[in-house]
Amino acid sequence: MRISALIALLPLIFSCASIGEAVVQKYREDGLPMWVENRFTNPSGYWAGFNDEGGYYASGKAKYGDAQSSTAAAELDAKANLCDFVAAEFKAERKDTASVSGIRRVDRLVSEDGTVHVLMFVSEKNAKKTFRR
């Protein structure tokens, strides 16, 4: 009885695996993820990751002598891009990145030439607190 139950569950197990495999990073022709150099509010089509919370995404990039410096600079670039994007979405005055709470990095990529690309996110809730309509 147990073996027949296991056999009956096999198609379900394999279908779940294929669903998980379908949620993969989408890439551009140059091999970089779709989120690189983009701003968007919905991750589908640009980014597939653990973060499915509603909000705003923007990327940034930098290339310095080491990955740590490049990552810090890329995060600053992405935060600035994110604040510009959210201000435009809310038709509000742009705010300094330090005044926006809850911005976090959700992805990072180091390309072959050493450029660090990061994807930053701020939730709808935190954006509304700062950029009230």
Protein backbone atom coordinates (compact mmCIF):
# COMPACT_ATOMS: atom_id res chain seq x y z
CA MET A 1 0.00 0.00 0.00
CA ARG A 2 2.81 2.44 0.84
CA ILE A 3 4.68 1.76 -2.40
CA SER A 4 1.57 2.41 -4.48
CA ALA A 5 1.03 5.71 -2.63
CA LEU A 6 4.63 6.70 -3.35
CA ILE A 7 4.26 5.79 -7.01
CA ALA A 8 1.08 7.87 -7.18
CA LEU A 9 2.95 10.86 -5.75
CA LEU A 10 5.89 10.69 -8.20
CA PRO A 11 4.21 12.76 -10.96
CA LEU A 12 3.39 15.43 -8.39
CA ILE A 13 6.96 15.50 -7.09
CA PHE A 14 8.41 15.84 -10.61
CA SER A 15 5.89 18.49 -11.63
CA CYS A 16 6.88 20.58 -8.59
CA ALA A 17 10.53 20.27 -9.58
CA SER A 18 9.78 21.49 -13.08
CA ILE A 19 7.81 24.44 -11.69
CA GLY A 20 10.80 25.38 -9.54
CA GLU A 21 13.10 25.13 -12.54
CA ALA A 22 10.80 27.42 -14.53
CA VAL A 23 11.48 30.23 -12.05
CA VAL A 24 14.93 31.06 -13.34
CA GLN A 25 16.83 34.24 -13.97
CA LYS A 26 16.07 35.78 -17.36
CA TYR A 27 19.13 36.95 -19.27
CA ARG A 28 19.84 39.54 -21.94
CA GLU A 29 21.79 38.84 -25.13
CA ASP A 30 25.01 40.02 -23.48
CA GLY A 31 24.63 37.38 -20.76
CA LEU A 32 23.64 39.77 -17.96
CA PRO A 33 20.40 39.34 -16.02
CA MET A 34 17.38 41.33 -17.25
CA TRP A 35 17.39 43.44 -14.07
CA VAL A 36 20.76 45.02 -14.89
CA GLU A 37 20.31 48.71 -15.74
CA ASN A 38 16.54 48.50 -15.22
CA ARG A 39 13.91 49.93 -12.87
CA PHE A 40 10.63 48.15 -12.26
CA THR A 41 7.81 47.54 -9.83
CA ASN A 42 7.05 43.93 -10.66
CA PRO A 43 9.84 41.35 -10.52
CA SER A 44 8.36 38.99 -13.10
CA GLY A 45 10.07 39.36 -16.44
CA TYR A 46 13.14 41.02 -14.93
CA TRP A 47 14.02 39.16 -11.78
CA ALA A 48 13.04 35.91 -10.12
CA GLY A 49 14.18 35.53 -6.56
CA PHE A 50 13.10 35.05 -2.98
CA ASN A 51 11.59 38.53 -2.70
CA ASP A 52 7.96 38.63 -3.86
CA GLU A 53 6.92 41.61 -1.74
CA GLY A 54 5.28 44.51 -3.57
CA GLY A 55 7.55 47.48 -4.08
CA TYR A 56 10.13 49.13 -6.27
CA TYR A 57 13.40 47.82 -7.74
CA ALA A 58 16.37 49.60 -9.33
CA SER A 59 19.87 48.51 -10.23
CA GLY A 60 23.26 50.17 -9.99
CA LYS A 61 26.79 49.37 -11.05
CA ALA A 62 30.37 50.28 -10.25
CA LYS A 63 33.88 49.09 -10.99
CA TYR A 64 36.79 49.88 -8.69
CA GLY A 65 39.95 48.05 -7.67
CA ASP A 66 38.22 45.54 -5.41
CA ALA A 67 34.80 43.89 -5.08
CA GLN A 68 34.05 45.44 -1.68
CA SER A 69 34.53 49.04 -2.90
CA SER A 70 32.70 48.27 -6.13
CA THR A 71 29.76 46.77 -4.22
CA ALA A 72 29.48 49.78 -1.90
CA ALA A 73 29.57 52.19 -4.85
CA ALA A 74 27.11 50.10 -6.86
CA GLU A 75 24.71 50.11 -3.89
CA LEU A 76 24.91 53.91 -3.69
CA ASP A 77 24.25 54.13 -7.43
CA ALA A 78 21.27 51.78 -7.16
CA LYS A 79 19.85 53.65 -4.15
CA ALA A 80 20.05 56.93 -6.06
CA ASN A 81 18.37 55.31 -9.07
CA LEU A 82 15.72 53.85 -6.77
CA CYS A 83 14.96 57.21 -5.15
CA ASP A 84 14.69 58.89 -8.57
CA PHE A 85 12.38 56.13 -9.78
CA VAL A 86 10.10 56.15 -6.73
CA ALA A 87 9.90 59.97 -6.69
CA ALA A 88 8.81 59.88 -10.35
CA GLU A 89 6.25 57.15 -9.62
CA PHE A 90 4.76 59.19 -6.76
CA LYS A 91 5.16 62.50 -8.62
CA ALA A 92 7.01 63.76 -5.57
CA GLU A 93 10.19 65.66 -4.86
CA ARG A 94 13.27 63.46 -4.89
CA LYS A 95 14.53 62.52 -1.43
CA ASP A 96 18.05 61.83 -0.25
CA THR A 97 18.80 58.10 -0.10
CA ALA A 98 19.43 58.34 3.65
CA SER A 99 15.85 59.48 4.23
CA VAL A 100 14.32 56.36 2.66
CA SER A 101 14.10 53.52 5.17
CA GLY A 102 14.03 49.86 4.31
CA ILE A 103 16.09 49.86 1.11
CA ARG A 104 17.83 46.52 0.80
CA ARG A 105 19.95 44.64 -1.70
CA VAL A 106 18.20 41.63 -3.21
CA ASP A 107 20.73 40.56 -5.83
CA ARG A 108 24.38 41.07 -6.78
CA LEU A 109 26.41 40.05 -9.79
CA VAL A 110 30.07 40.51 -10.65
CA SER A 111 30.50 40.50 -14.43
CA GLU A 112 33.55 39.14 -16.23
CA ASP A 113 35.19 42.56 -16.46
CA GLY A 114 34.88 43.08 -12.68
CA THR A 115 31.89 45.44 -12.75
CA VAL A 116 29.61 44.86 -9.78
CA HIS A 117 25.88 45.09 -10.49
CA VAL A 118 23.39 45.21 -7.62
CA LEU A 119 19.62 45.19 -7.46
CA MET A 120 18.04 47.19 -4.63
CA PHE A 121 14.46 47.07 -3.36
CA VAL A 122 12.16 49.21 -1.23
CA SER A 123 8.70 48.04 -0.24
CA GLU A 124 5.56 49.90 -1.21
CA LYS A 125 4.93 50.59 2.48
CA ASN A 126 8.33 52.21 3.07
CA ALA A 127 8.11 54.16 -0.18
CA LYS A 128 4.75 55.61 0.82
CA LYS A 129 6.16 56.73 4.17
CA THR A 130 8.80 58.81 2.42
CA PHE A 131 7.14 59.83 -0.86
CA ARG A 132 3.58 60.60 0.22
CA ARG A 133 1.26 61.41 -2.63
